[in-house]
């Protein structure tokens, strides 16, 4: 009986209130770049002022209410796997039919999904 109760409790805690991130990337380069070992090796640059090569596009889809401080590390991690030195040109947009839903006063925009996309770049 205790094992069943423990299992049910574990499933209830595990599945409640968690934000699910869908993280993806698309490699647009034919070159191989060594993956980074830490997200600290990948910078977020709003305005690039030196020559670079775009090596891919990274995407994170999550609930719209997530702060950008939670999204950037996930974008940087995915870009680091591609071997990027930085991410830039960050864009966001609500996806699919969620875009047409009106804002809810009680629950906020908790169920509206938003996609964040950034270019993964390496310095020349």
PDB file of N, CA and C in Angstrom:
ATOM      1  N   UNK A   1       0.810  -1.194   0.000  1.00  0.00           N
ATOM      2  CA  UNK A   1       0.000   0.000   0.000  1.00  0.00           C
ATOM      3  C   UNK A   1       0.857   1.263   0.000  1.00  0.00           C
ATOM      4  N   UNK A   2       1.957   1.228   0.765  1.00  0.00           N
ATOM      5  CA  UNK A   2       2.833   2.392   0.836  1.00  0.00           C
ATOM      6  C   UNK A   2       3.472   2.680  -0.518  1.00  0.00           C
ATOM      7  N   UNK A   3       3.818   1.640  -1.250  1.00  0.00           N
ATOM      8  CA  UNK A   3       4.460   1.859  -2.555  1.00  0.00           C
ATOM      9  C   UNK A   3       3.485   2.483  -3.550  1.00  0.00           C
ATOM     10  N   UNK A   4       2.225   2.100  -3.491  1.00  0.00           N
ATOM     11  CA  UNK A   4       1.219   2.686  -4.383  1.00  0.00           C
ATOM     12  C   UNK A   4       1.004   4.153  -4.025  1.00  0.00           C
ATOM     13  N   UNK A   5       0.904   4.433  -2.725  1.00  0.00           N
ATOM     14  CA  UNK A   5       0.735   5.813  -2.265  1.00  0.00           C
ATOM     15  C   UNK A   5       1.942   6.663  -2.665  1.00  0.00           C
ATOM     16  N   UNK A   6       3.135   6.123  -2.471  1.00  0.00           N
ATOM     17  CA  UNK A   6       4.355   6.839  -2.860  1.00  0.00           C
ATOM     18  C   UNK A   6       4.381   7.107  -4.357  1.00  0.00           C
ATOM     19  N   UNK A   7       4.006   6.127  -5.156  1.00  0.00           N
ATOM     20  CA  UNK A   7       3.981   6.287  -6.610  1.00  0.00           C
ATOM     21  C   UNK A   7       2.989   7.360  -7.030  1.00  0.00           C
ATOM     22  N   UNK A   8       1.800   7.342  -6.457  1.00  0.00           N
ATOM     23  CA  UNK A   8       0.793   8.355  -6.781  1.00  0.00           C
ATOM     24  C   UNK A   8       1.248   9.746  -6.361  1.00  0.00           C
ATOM     25  N   UNK A   9       1.850   9.860  -5.195  1.00  0.00           N
ATOM     26  CA  UNK A   9       2.369  11.138  -4.717  1.00  0.00           C
ATOM     27  C   UNK A   9       3.473  11.651  -5.641  1.00  0.00           C
ATOM     28  N   UNK A  10       4.368  10.769  -6.031  1.00  0.00           N
ATOM     29  CA  UNK A  10       5.445  11.144  -6.947  1.00  0.00           C
ATOM     30  C   UNK A  10       4.890  11.645  -8.273  1.00  0.00           C
ATOM     31  N   UNK A  11       3.933  10.930  -8.843  1.00  0.00           N
ATOM     32  CA  UNK A  11       3.332  11.348 -10.115  1.00  0.00           C
ATOM     33  C   UNK A  11       2.603  12.682  -9.990  1.00  0.00           C
ATOM     34  N   UNK A  12       1.914  12.887  -8.881  1.00  0.00           N
ATOM     35  CA  UNK A  12       1.198  14.152  -8.679  1.00  0.00           C
ATOM     36  C   UNK A  12       2.165  15.323  -8.584  1.00  0.00           C
ATOM     37  N   UNK A  13       3.252  15.161  -7.846  1.00  0.00           N
ATOM     38  CA  UNK A  13       4.239  16.232  -7.705  1.00  0.00           C
ATOM     39  C   UNK A  13       4.974  16.448  -9.017  1.00  0.00           C
ATOM     40  N   UNK A  14       5.340  15.390  -9.677  1.00  0.00           N
ATOM     41  CA  UNK A  14       6.105  15.476 -10.917  1.00  0.00           C
ATOM     42  C   UNK A  14       5.324  16.160 -12.029  1.00  0.00           C
ATOM     43  N   UNK A  15       4.024  15.936 -12.092  1.00  0.00           N
ATOM     44  CA  UNK A  15       3.237  16.455 -13.210  1.00  0.00           C
ATOM     45  C   UNK A  15       2.517  17.763 -12.917  1.00  0.00           C
ATOM     46  N   UNK A  16       2.623  18.296 -11.724  1.00  0.00           N
ATOM     47  CA  UNK A  16       1.861  19.507 -11.397  1.00  0.00           C
ATOM     48  C   UNK A  16       2.709  20.768 -11.518  1.00  0.00           C
ATOM     49  N   UNK A  17       2.168  21.753 -12.206  1.00  0.00           N
ATOM     50  CA  UNK A  17       2.757  23.083 -12.230  1.00  0.00           C
ATOM     51  C   UNK A  17       4.078  23.226 -12.946  1.00  0.00           C
ATOM     52  N   UNK A  18       4.481  22.280 -13.701  1.00  0.00           N
ATOM     53  CA  UNK A  18       5.765  22.377 -14.383  1.00  0.00           C
ATOM     54  C   UNK A  18       5.601  23.046 -15.736  1.00  0.00           C
ATOM     55  N   UNK A  19       6.552  23.888 -16.049  1.00  0.00           N
ATOM     56  CA  UNK A  19       6.586  24.482 -17.371  1.00  0.00           C
ATOM     57  C   UNK A  19       7.354  23.546 -18.283  1.00  0.00           C
ATOM     58  N   UNK A  20       6.798  23.266 -19.421  1.00  0.00           N
ATOM     59  CA  UNK A  20       7.450  22.381 -20.366  1.00  0.00           C
ATOM     60  C   UNK A  20       8.080  23.240 -21.457  1.00  0.00           C
ATOM     61  N   UNK A  21       9.359  23.059 -21.648  1.00  0.00           N
ATOM     62  CA  UNK A  21      10.086  23.756 -22.693  1.00  0.00           C
ATOM     63  C   UNK A  21      10.297  22.804 -23.850  1.00  0.00           C
ATOM     64  N   UNK A  22      10.076  23.290 -25.045  1.00  0.00           N
ATOM     65  CA  UNK A  22      10.427  22.535 -26.237  1.00  0.00           C
ATOM     66  C   UNK A  22      11.614  23.274 -26.844  1.00  0.00           C
ATOM     67  N   UNK A  23      12.752  22.608 -26.870  1.00  0.00           N
ATOM     68  CA  UNK A  23      13.995  23.229 -27.322  1.00  0.00           C
ATOM     69  C   UNK A  23      14.433  22.537 -28.597  1.00  0.00           C
ATOM     70  N   UNK A  24      14.811  23.344 -29.589  1.00  0.00           N
ATOM     71  CA  UNK A  24      15.189  22.791 -30.889  1.00  0.00           C
ATOM     72  C   UNK A  24      16.248  23.673 -31.529  1.00  0.00           C
ATOM     73  N   UNK A  25      16.961  23.110 -32.475  1.00  0.00           N
ATOM     74  CA  UNK A  25      17.935  23.888 -33.234  1.00  0.00           C
ATOM     75  C   UNK A  25      18.017  23.348 -34.654  1.00  0.00           C
ATOM     76  N   UNK A  26      18.461  24.219 -35.537  1.00  0.00           N
ATOM     77  CA  UNK A  26      18.654  23.837 -36.926  1.00  0.00           C
ATOM     78  C   UNK A  26      20.041  24.303 -37.334  1.00  0.00           C
ATOM     79  N   UNK A  27      20.879  23.355 -37.688  1.00  0.00           N
ATOM     80  CA  UNK A  27      22.245  23.645 -38.130  1.00  0.00           C
ATOM     81  C   UNK A  27      22.180  24.090 -39.584  1.00  0.00           C
ATOM     82  N   UNK A  28      22.639  25.305 -39.869  1.00  0.00           N
ATOM     83  CA  UNK A  28      22.583  25.831 -41.239  1.00  0.00           C
ATOM     84  C   UNK A  28      23.959  25.898 -41.886  1.00  0.00           C
ATOM     85  N   UNK A  29      24.967  25.352 -41.230  1.00  0.00           N
ATOM     86  CA  UNK A  29      26.337  25.405 -41.738  1.00  0.00           C
ATOM     87  C   UNK A  29      26.814  24.003 -42.105  1.00  0.00           C
ATOM     88  N   UNK A  30      27.687  23.934 -43.073  1.00  0.00           N
ATOM     89  CA  UNK A  30      28.301  22.660 -43.456  1.00  0.00           C
ATOM     90  C   UNK A  30      29.580  22.398 -42.652  1.00  0.00           C
ATOM     91  N   UNK A  31      30.037  23.398 -41.923  1.00  0.00           N
ATOM     92  CA  UNK A  31      31.264  23.290 -41.128  1.00  0.00           C
ATOM     93  C   UNK A  31      30.978  22.651 -39.777  1.00  0.00           C
ATOM     94  N   UNK A  32      32.015  22.067 -39.173  1.00  0.00           N
ATOM     95  CA  UNK A  32      31.895  21.511 -37.832  1.00  0.00           C
ATOM     96  C   UNK A  32      32.504  22.500 -36.845  1.00  0.00           C
ATOM     97  N   UNK A  33      31.800  22.790 -35.793  1.00  0.00           N
ATOM     98  CA  UNK A  33      32.283  23.660 -34.730  1.00  0.00           C
ATOM     99  C   UNK A  33      32.231  22.878 -33.429  1.00  0.00           C
ATOM    100  N   UNK A  34      33.284  22.983 -32.652  1.00  0.00           N
ATOM    101  CA  UNK A  34      33.384  22.235 -31.400  1.00  0.00           C
ATOM    102  C   UNK A  34      32.316  22.734 -30.428  1.00  0.00           C
ATOM    103  N   UNK A  35      31.498  21.828 -29.897  1.00  0.00           N
ATOM    104  CA  UNK A  35      30.468  22.243 -28.931  1.00  0.00           C
ATOM    105  C   UNK A  35      31.095  22.874 -27.686  1.00  0.00           C
ATOM    106  N   UNK A  36      30.393  23.810 -27.103  1.00  0.00           N
ATOM    107  CA  UNK A  36      30.849  24.473 -25.879  1.00  0.00           C
ATOM    108  C   UNK A  36      30.523  23.576 -24.684  1.00  0.00           C
ATOM    109  N   UNK A  37      31.330  23.684 -23.639  1.00  0.00           N
ATOM    110  CA  UNK A  37      31.130  22.858 -22.452  1.00  0.00           C
ATOM    111  C   UNK A  37      30.287  23.561 -21.390  1.00  0.00           C
ATOM    112  N   UNK A  38      30.042  24.858 -21.573  1.00  0.00           N
ATOM    113  CA  UNK A  38      29.256  25.619 -20.602  1.00  0.00           C
ATOM    114  C   UNK A  38      28.492  26.729 -21.319  1.00  0.00           C
ATOM    115  N   UNK A  39      27.327  27.091 -20.778  1.00  0.00           N
ATOM    116  CA  UNK A  39      26.572  28.193 -21.385  1.00  0.00           C
ATOM    117  C   UNK A  39      27.279  29.525 -21.155  1.00  0.00           C
ATOM    118  N   UNK A  40      28.222  29.570 -20.212  1.00  0.00           N
ATOM    119  CA  UNK A  40      28.992  30.791 -19.983  1.00  0.00           C
ATOM    120  C   UNK A  40      29.903  31.118 -21.161  1.00  0.00           C
ATOM    121  N   UNK A  41      30.165  30.141 -22.015  1.00  0.00           N
ATOM    122  CA  UNK A  41      30.992  30.362 -23.197  1.00  0.00           C
ATOM    123  C   UNK A  41      30.194  30.944 -24.363  1.00  0.00           C
ATOM    124  N   UNK A  42      28.877  31.024 -24.213  1.00  0.00           N
ATOM    125  CA  UNK A  42      28.007  31.551 -25.264  1.00  0.00           C
ATOM    126  C   UNK A  42      27.418  32.871 -24.774  1.00  0.00           C
ATOM    127  N   UNK A  43      27.613  33.930 -25.542  1.00  0.00           N
ATOM    128  CA  UNK A  43      27.124  35.261 -25.168  1.00  0.00           C
ATOM    129  C   UNK A  43      25.799  35.556 -25.842  1.00  0.00           C
ATOM    130  N   UNK A  44      25.042  36.467 -25.242  1.00  0.00           N
ATOM    131  CA  UNK A  44      23.860  37.018 -25.895  1.00  0.00           C
ATOM    132  C   UNK A  44      24.211  38.440 -26.307  1.00  0.00           C
ATOM    133  N   UNK A  45      24.201  38.695 -27.612  1.00  0.00           N
ATOM    134  CA  UNK A  45      24.574  40.001 -28.165  1.00  0.00           C
ATOM    135  C   UNK A  45      23.356  40.593 -28.859  1.00  0.00           C
ATOM    136  N   UNK A  46      22.910  41.763 -28.409  1.00  0.00           N
ATOM    137  CA  UNK A  46      21.762  42.411 -29.057  1.00  0.00           C
ATOM    138  C   UNK A  46      22.156  43.029 -30.388  1.00  0.00           C
ATOM    139  N   UNK A  47      23.268  43.739 -30.390  1.00  0.00           N
ATOM    140  CA  UNK A  47      23.728  44.397 -31.620  1.00  0.00           C
ATOM    141  C   UNK A  47      25.157  43.933 -31.891  1.00  0.00           C
ATOM    142  N   UNK A  48      25.318  43.180 -32.952  1.00  0.00           N
ATOM    143  CA  UNK A  48      26.623  42.626 -33.301  1.00  0.00           C
ATOM    144  C   UNK A  48      27.432  43.703 -34.027  1.00  0.00           C
ATOM    145  N   UNK A  49      28.657  43.954 -33.542  1.00  0.00           N
ATOM    146  CA  UNK A  49      29.493  45.002 -34.125  1.00  0.00           C
ATOM    147  C   UNK A  49      30.807  44.470 -34.695  1.00  0.00           C
ATOM    148  N   UNK A  50      30.870  43.166 -34.951  1.00  0.00           N
ATOM    149  CA  UNK A  50      32.060  42.583 -35.580  1.00  0.00           C
ATOM    150  C   UNK A  50      31.634  41.454 -36.499  1.00  0.00           C
ATOM    151  N   UNK A  51      32.506  41.057 -37.418  1.00  0.00           N
ATOM    152  CA  UNK A  51      32.132  40.033 -38.411  1.00  0.00           C
ATOM    153  C   UNK A  51      31.824  38.678 -37.760  1.00  0.00           C
ATOM    154  N   UNK A  52      30.799  38.024 -38.292  1.00  0.00           N
ATOM    155  CA  UNK A  52      30.387  36.722 -37.779  1.00  0.00           C
ATOM    156  C   UNK A  52      29.827  35.875 -38.918  1.00  0.00           C
ATOM    157  N   UNK A  53      29.673  34.590 -38.622  1.00  0.00           N
ATOM    158  CA  UNK A  53      29.039  33.647 -39.533  1.00  0.00           C
ATOM    159  C   UNK A  53      27.886  32.990 -38.790  1.00  0.00           C
ATOM    160  N   UNK A  54      26.721  32.970 -39.416  1.00  0.00           N
ATOM    161  CA  UNK A  54      25.575  32.304 -38.806  1.00  0.00           C
ATOM    162  C   UNK A  54      25.711  30.806 -39.053  1.00  0.00           C
ATOM    163  N   UNK A  55      25.634  30.015 -37.966  1.00  0.00           N
ATOM    164  CA  UNK A  55      25.790  28.565 -38.107  1.00  0.00           C
ATOM    165  C   UNK A  55      24.493  27.811 -37.821  1.00  0.00           C
ATOM    166  N   UNK A  56      23.484  28.520 -37.339  1.00  0.00           N
ATOM    167  CA  UNK A  56      22.232  27.841 -37.054  1.00  0.00           C
ATOM    168  C   UNK A  56      21.201  28.763 -36.432  1.00  0.00           C
ATOM    169  N   UNK A  57      20.054  28.172 -36.152  1.00  0.00           N
ATOM    170  CA  UNK A  57      18.952  28.868 -35.508  1.00  0.00           C
ATOM    171  C   UNK A  57      18.499  28.005 -34.335  1.00  0.00           C
ATOM    172  N   UNK A  58      18.352  28.617 -33.163  1.00  0.00           N
ATOM    173  CA  UNK A  58      17.891  27.901 -31.977  1.00  0.00           C
ATOM    174  C   UNK A  58      16.513  28.418 -31.586  1.00  0.00           C
ATOM    175  N   UNK A  59      15.675  27.509 -31.084  1.00  0.00           N
ATOM    176  CA  UNK A  59      14.290  27.835 -30.775  1.00  0.00           C
ATOM    177  C   UNK A  59      13.890  27.236 -29.434  1.00  0.00           C
ATOM    178  N   UNK A  60      13.199  28.027 -28.628  1.00  0.00           N
ATOM    179  CA  UNK A  60      12.615  27.548 -27.375  1.00  0.00           C
ATOM    180  C   UNK A  60      11.143  27.943 -27.386  1.00  0.00           C
ATOM    181  N   UNK A  61      10.270  26.953 -27.174  1.00  0.00           N
ATOM    182  CA  UNK A  61       8.836  27.210 -27.065  1.00  0.00           C
ATOM    183  C   UNK A  61       8.424  26.904 -25.637  1.00  0.00           C
ATOM    184  N   UNK A  62       7.702  27.826 -25.029  1.00  0.00           N
ATOM    185  CA  UNK A  62       7.287  27.673 -23.638  1.00  0.00           C
ATOM    186  C   UNK A  62       6.026  28.482 -23.381  1.00  0.00           C
ATOM    187  N   UNK A  63       5.585  28.490 -22.136  1.00  0.00           N
ATOM    188  CA  UNK A  63       4.452  29.333 -21.768  1.00  0.00           C
ATOM    189  C   UNK A  63       4.862  30.787 -21.913  1.00  0.00           C
ATOM    190  N   UNK A  64       3.939  31.592 -22.356  1.00  0.00           N
ATOM    191  CA  UNK A  64       4.230  32.997 -22.618  1.00  0.00           C
ATOM    192  C   UNK A  64       4.668  33.750 -21.364  1.00  0.00           C
ATOM    193  N   UNK A  65       4.232  33.337 -20.209  1.00  0.00           N
ATOM    194  CA  UNK A  65       4.528  34.081 -18.988  1.00  0.00           C
ATOM    195  C   UNK A  65       5.950  33.890 -18.469  1.00  0.00           C
ATOM    196  N   UNK A  66       6.750  33.063 -19.101  1.00  0.00           N
ATOM    197  CA  UNK A  66       8.107  32.819 -18.643  1.00  0.00           C
ATOM    198  C   UNK A  66       8.985  34.050 -18.885  1.00  0.00           C
ATOM    199  N   UNK A  67       9.773  34.462 -17.894  1.00  0.00           N
ATOM    200  CA  UNK A  67      10.659  35.620 -18.084  1.00  0.00           C
ATOM    201  C   UNK A  67      11.832  35.270 -19.000  1.00  0.00           C
ATOM    202  N   UNK A  68      12.333  36.271 -19.677  1.00  0.00           N
ATOM    203  CA  UNK A  68      13.433  36.070 -20.628  1.00  0.00           C
ATOM    204  C   UNK A  68      14.677  35.531 -19.915  1.00  0.00           C
ATOM    205  N   UNK A  69      14.823  35.822 -18.631  1.00  0.00           N
ATOM    206  CA  UNK A  69      15.972  35.320 -17.869  1.00  0.00           C
ATOM    207  C   UNK A  69      15.960  33.791 -17.768  1.00  0.00           C
ATOM    208  N   UNK A  70      14.778  33.184 -17.911  1.00  0.00           N
ATOM    209  CA  UNK A  70      14.680  31.724 -17.909  1.00  0.00           C
ATOM    210  C   UNK A  70      14.861  31.137 -19.306  1.00  0.00           C
ATOM    211  N   UNK A  71      14.591  31.935 -20.326  1.00  0.00           N
ATOM    212  CA  UNK A  71      14.660  31.471 -21.712  1.00  0.00           C
ATOM    213  C   UNK A  71      16.097  31.529 -22.248  1.00  0.00           C
ATOM    214  N   UNK A  72      16.816  32.610 -21.948  1.00  0.00           N
ATOM    215  CA  UNK A  72      18.168  32.793 -22.493  1.00  0.00           C
ATOM    216  C   UNK A  72      19.122  31.638 -22.210  1.00  0.00           C
ATOM    217  N   UNK A  73      19.184  31.101 -20.980  1.00  0.00           N
ATOM    218  CA  UNK A  73      20.100  29.977 -20.757  1.00  0.00           C
ATOM    219  C   UNK A  73      19.796  28.764 -21.642  1.00  0.00           C
ATOM    220  N   UNK A  74      18.521  28.533 -21.919  1.00  0.00           N
ATOM    221  CA  UNK A  74      18.147  27.398 -22.762  1.00  0.00           C
ATOM    222  C   UNK A  74      18.551  27.644 -24.213  1.00  0.00           C
ATOM    223  N   UNK A  75      18.375  28.877 -24.681  1.00  0.00           N
ATOM    224  CA  UNK A  75      18.829  29.224 -26.033  1.00  0.00           C
ATOM    225  C   UNK A  75      20.351  29.110 -26.133  1.00  0.00           C
ATOM    226  N   UNK A  76      21.053  29.600 -25.111  1.00  0.00           N
ATOM    227  CA  UNK A  76      22.520  29.551 -25.112  1.00  0.00           C
ATOM    228  C   UNK A  76      23.032  28.113 -25.047  1.00  0.00           C
ATOM    229  N   UNK A  77      22.364  27.270 -24.279  1.00  0.00           N
ATOM    230  CA  UNK A  77      22.785  25.873 -24.183  1.00  0.00           C
ATOM    231  C   UNK A  77      22.656  25.174 -25.539  1.00  0.00           C
ATOM    232  N   UNK A  78      21.533  25.397 -26.200  1.00  0.00           N
ATOM    233  CA  UNK A  78      21.319  24.758 -27.505  1.00  0.00           C
ATOM    234  C   UNK A  78      22.311  25.291 -28.531  1.00  0.00           C
ATOM    235  N   UNK A  79      22.572  26.606 -28.507  1.00  0.00           N
ATOM    236  CA  UNK A  79      23.553  27.195 -29.417  1.00  0.00           C
ATOM    237  C   UNK A  79      24.953  26.664 -29.119  1.00  0.00           C
ATOM    238  N   UNK A  80      25.257  26.468 -27.842  1.00  0.00           N
ATOM    239  CA  UNK A  80      26.551  25.911 -27.457  1.00  0.00           C
ATOM    240  C   UNK A  80      26.761  24.511 -28.005  1.00  0.00           C
ATOM    241  N   UNK A  81      25.697  23.731 -28.100  1.00  0.00           N
ATOM    242  CA  UNK A  81      25.797  22.383 -28.679  1.00  0.00           C
ATOM    243  C   UNK A  81      26.142  22.443 -30.166  1.00  0.00           C
ATOM    244  N   UNK A  82      25.730  23.537 -30.818  1.00  0.00           N
ATOM    245  CA  UNK A  82      26.090  23.729 -32.227  1.00  0.00           C
ATOM    246  C   UNK A  82      27.517  24.250 -32.382  1.00  0.00           C
ATOM    247  N   UNK A  83      28.099  24.738 -31.273  1.00  0.00           N
ATOM    248  CA  UNK A  83      29.445  25.301 -31.318  1.00  0.00           C
ATOM    249  C   UNK A  83      29.451  26.813 -31.463  1.00  0.00           C
ATOM    250  N   UNK A  84      28.338  27.464 -31.191  1.00  0.00           N
ATOM    251  CA  UNK A  84      28.231  28.913 -31.364  1.00  0.00           C
ATOM    252  C   UNK A  84      28.998  29.670 -30.286  1.00  0.00           C
ATOM    253  N   UNK A  85      29.488  30.843 -30.676  1.00  0.00           N
ATOM    254  CA  UNK A  85      30.131  31.749 -29.732  1.00  0.00           C
ATOM    255  C   UNK A  85      29.110  32.681 -29.086  1.00  0.00           C
ATOM    256  N   UNK A  86      27.994  32.917 -29.790  1.00  0.00           N
ATOM    257  CA  UNK A  86      26.986  33.850 -29.296  1.00  0.00           C
ATOM    258  C   UNK A  86      25.634  33.578 -29.947  1.00  0.00           C
ATOM    259  N   UNK A  87      24.595  34.158 -29.356  1.00  0.00           N
ATOM    260  CA  UNK A  87      23.277  34.191 -29.991  1.00  0.00           C
ATOM    261  C   UNK A  87      22.898  35.656 -30.177  1.00  0.00           C
ATOM    262  N   UNK A  88      22.131  35.917 -31.217  1.00  0.00           N
ATOM    263  CA  UNK A  88      21.710  37.275 -31.512  1.00  0.00           C
ATOM    264  C   UNK A  88      20.370  37.243 -32.243  1.00  0.00           C
ATOM    265  N   UNK A  89      19.828  38.416 -32.498  1.00  0.00           N
ATOM    266  CA  UNK A  89      18.572  38.565 -33.238  1.00  0.00           C
ATOM    267  C   UNK A  89      17.447  37.766 -32.587  1.00  0.00           C
ATOM    268  N   UNK A  90      17.258  37.974 -31.285  1.00  0.00           N
ATOM    269  CA  UNK A  90      16.221  37.277 -30.529  1.00  0.00           C
ATOM    270  C   UNK A  90      14.849  37.792 -30.938  1.00  0.00           C
ATOM    271  N   UNK A  91      13.955  36.854 -31.270  1.00  0.00           N
ATOM    272  CA  UNK A  91      12.595  37.202 -31.669  1.00  0.00           C
ATOM    273  C   UNK A  91      11.616  36.301 -30.927  1.00  0.00           C
ATOM    274  N   UNK A  92      10.407  36.828 -30.701  1.00  0.00           N
ATOM    275  CA  UNK A  92       9.378  36.075 -29.995  1.00  0.00           C
ATOM    276  C   UNK A  92       8.034  36.296 -30.658  1.00  0.00           C
ATOM    277  N   UNK A  93       7.208  35.234 -30.627  1.00  0.00           N
ATOM    278  CA  UNK A  93       5.865  35.349 -31.173  1.00  0.00           C
ATOM    279  C   UNK A  93       4.998  34.233 -30.601  1.00  0.00           C
ATOM    280  N   UNK A  94       3.754  34.538 -30.294  1.00  0.00           N
ATOM    281  CA  UNK A  94       2.819  33.489 -29.875  1.00  0.00           C
ATOM    282  C   UNK A  94       2.570  32.582 -31.063  1.00  0.00           C
ATOM    283  N   UNK A  95       2.340  31.305 -30.805  1.00  0.00           N
ATOM    284  CA  UNK A  95       2.240  30.333 -31.879  1.00  0.00           C
ATOM    285  C   UNK A  95       0.830  29.818 -32.098  1.00  0.00           C
ATOM    286  N   UNK A  96       0.620  29.291 -33.273  1.00  0.00           N
ATOM    287  CA  UNK A  96      -0.587  28.580 -33.667  1.00  0.00           C
ATOM    288  C   UNK A  96      -1.867  29.312 -33.282  1.00  0.00           C
ATOM    289  N   UNK A  97      -2.869  28.554 -32.862  1.00  0.00           N
ATOM    290  CA  UNK A  97      -4.162  29.165 -32.571  1.00  0.00           C
ATOM    291  C   UNK A  97      -4.160  29.912 -31.242  1.00  0.00           C
ATOM    292  N   UNK A  98      -3.132  29.748 -30.403  1.00  0.00           N
ATOM    293  CA  UNK A  98      -3.073  30.448 -29.124  1.00  0.00           C
ATOM    294  C   UNK A  98      -3.057  31.957 -29.327  1.00  0.00           C
ATOM    295  N   UNK A  99      -2.562  32.372 -30.476  1.00  0.00           N
ATOM    296  CA  UNK A  99      -2.469  33.785 -30.785  1.00  0.00           C
ATOM    297  C   UNK A  99      -3.837  34.456 -30.756  1.00  0.00           C
ATOM    298  N   UNK A 100      -4.872  33.724 -31.129  1.00  0.00           N
ATOM    299  CA  UNK A 100      -6.207  34.296 -31.254  1.00  0.00           C
ATOM    300  C   UNK A 100      -6.988  34.308 -29.942  1.00  0.00           C
ATOM    301  N   UNK A 101      -6.481  33.630 -28.913  1.00  0.00           N
ATOM    302  CA  UNK A 101      -7.220  33.588 -27.654  1.00  0.00           C
ATOM    303  C   UNK A 101      -7.130  34.927 -26.927  1.00  0.00           C
ATOM    304  N   UNK A 102      -8.241  35.369 -26.344  1.00  0.00           N
ATOM    305  CA  UNK A 102      -8.199  36.617 -25.566  1.00  0.00           C
ATOM    306  C   UNK A 102      -7.465  36.390 -24.249  1.00  0.00           C
ATOM    307  N   UNK A 103      -6.881  37.456 -23.724  1.00  0.00           N
ATOM    308  CA  UNK A 103      -6.198  37.361 -22.439  1.00  0.00           C
ATOM    309  C   UNK A 103      -7.206  37.033 -21.350  1.00  0.00           C
ATOM    310  N   UNK A 104      -6.834  36.129 -20.465  1.00  0.00           N
ATOM    311  CA  UNK A 104      -7.708  35.721 -19.370  1.00  0.00           C
ATOM    312  C   UNK A 104      -7.341  36.515 -18.124  1.00  0.00           C
ATOM    313  N   UNK A 105      -8.308  37.166 -17.510  1.00  0.00           N
ATOM    314  CA  UNK A 105      -8.049  37.969 -16.317  1.00  0.00           C
ATOM    315  C   UNK A 105      -7.693  37.089 -15.112  1.00  0.00           C
ATOM    316  N   UNK A 106      -8.311  35.919 -15.004  1.00  0.00           N
ATOM    317  CA  UNK A 106      -8.106  35.082 -13.823  1.00  0.00           C
ATOM    318  C   UNK A 106      -6.803  34.294 -13.910  1.00  0.00           C
ATOM    319  N   UNK A 107      -6.577  33.611 -15.008  1.00  0.00           N
ATOM    320  CA  UNK A 107      -5.388  32.758 -15.103  1.00  0.00           C
ATOM    321  C   UNK A 107      -4.263  33.405 -15.881  1.00  0.00           C
ATOM    322  N   UNK A 108      -4.440  34.611 -16.373  1.00  0.00           N
ATOM    323  CA  UNK A 108      -3.397  35.276 -17.139  1.00  0.00           C
ATOM    324  C   UNK A 108      -3.190  34.583 -18.470  1.00  0.00           C
ATOM    325  N   UNK A 109      -2.014  34.711 -18.989  1.00  0.00           N
ATOM    326  CA  UNK A 109      -1.684  34.097 -20.280  1.00  0.00           C
ATOM    327  C   UNK A 109      -0.944  32.781 -20.086  1.00  0.00           C
ATOM    328  N   UNK A 110      -1.192  32.101 -18.976  1.00  0.00           N
ATOM    329  CA  UNK A 110      -0.458  30.899 -18.632  1.00  0.00           C
ATOM    330  C   UNK A 110      -0.495  29.805 -19.673  1.00  0.00           C
ATOM    331  N   UNK A 111      -1.581  29.722 -20.435  1.00  0.00           N
ATOM    332  CA  UNK A 111      -1.683  28.631 -21.391  1.00  0.00           C
ATOM    333  C   UNK A 111      -1.361  29.050 -22.809  1.00  0.00           C
ATOM    334  N   UNK A 112      -0.945  30.270 -22.990  1.00  0.00           N
ATOM    335  CA  UNK A 112      -0.565  30.721 -24.318  1.00  0.00           C
ATOM    336  C   UNK A 112       0.911  30.421 -24.511  1.00  0.00           C
ATOM    337  N   UNK A 113       1.226  29.760 -25.600  1.00  0.00           N
ATOM    338  CA  UNK A 113       2.605  29.379 -25.888  1.00  0.00           C
ATOM    339  C   UNK A 113       3.293  30.488 -26.662  1.00  0.00           C
ATOM    340  N   UNK A 114       4.572  30.621 -26.448  1.00  0.00           N
ATOM    341  CA  UNK A 114       5.361  31.607 -27.155  1.00  0.00           C
ATOM    342  C   UNK A 114       6.661  30.946 -27.606  1.00  0.00           C
ATOM    343  N   UNK A 115       7.099  31.289 -28.798  1.00  0.00           N
ATOM    344  CA  UNK A 115       8.330  30.745 -29.348  1.00  0.00           C
ATOM    345  C   UNK A 115       9.385  31.839 -29.414  1.00  0.00           C
ATOM    346  N   UNK A 116      10.558  31.533 -28.882  1.00  0.00           N
ATOM    347  CA  UNK A 116      11.702  32.440 -28.920  1.00  0.00           C
ATOM    348  C   UNK A 116      12.725  31.841 -29.867  1.00  0.00           C
ATOM    349  N   UNK A 117      13.181  32.651 -30.808  1.00  0.00           N
ATOM    350  CA  UNK A 117      14.132  32.192 -31.806  1.00  0.00           C
ATOM    351  C   UNK A 117      15.330  33.142 -31.830  1.00  0.00           C
ATOM    352  N   UNK A 118      16.522  32.567 -31.980  1.00  0.00           N
ATOM    353  CA  UNK A 118      17.744  33.381 -32.049  1.00  0.00           C
ATOM    354  C   UNK A 118      18.706  32.747 -33.047  1.00  0.00           C
ATOM    355  N   UNK A 119      19.542  33.585 -33.649  1.00  0.00           N
ATOM    356  CA  UNK A 119      20.596  33.098 -34.541  1.00  0.00           C
ATOM    357  C   UNK A 119      21.781  32.642 -33.700  1.00  0.00           C
ATOM    358  N   UNK A 120      22.347  31.503 -34.049  1.00  0.00           N
ATOM    359  CA  UNK A 120      23.578  31.016 -33.427  1.00  0.00           C
ATOM    360  C   UNK A 120      24.727  31.428 -34.347  1.00  0.00           C
ATOM    361  N   UNK A 121      25.723  32.138 -33.778  1.00  0.00           N
ATOM    362  CA  UNK A 121      26.796  32.674 -34.608  1.00  0.00           C
ATOM    363  C   UNK A 121      28.176  32.313 -34.043  1.00  0.00           C
ATOM    364  N   UNK A 122      29.163  32.349 -34.930  1.00  0.00           N
ATOM    365  CA  UNK A 122      30.567  32.223 -34.522  1.00  0.00           C
ATOM    366  C   UNK A 122      31.313  33.432 -35.068  1.00  0.00           C
ATOM    367  N   UNK A 123      32.326  33.851 -34.327  1.00  0.00           N
ATOM    368  CA  UNK A 123      33.126  35.002 -34.755  1.00  0.00           C
ATOM    369  C   UNK A 123      34.077  34.607 -35.864  1.00  0.00           C
ATOM    370  N   UNK A 124      34.294  35.518 -36.788  1.00  0.00           N
ATOM    371  CA  UNK A 124      35.228  35.252 -37.910  1.00  0.00           C
ATOM    372  C   UNK A 124      36.637  35.647 -37.532  1.00  0.00           C
TER     373      UNK A 124
END
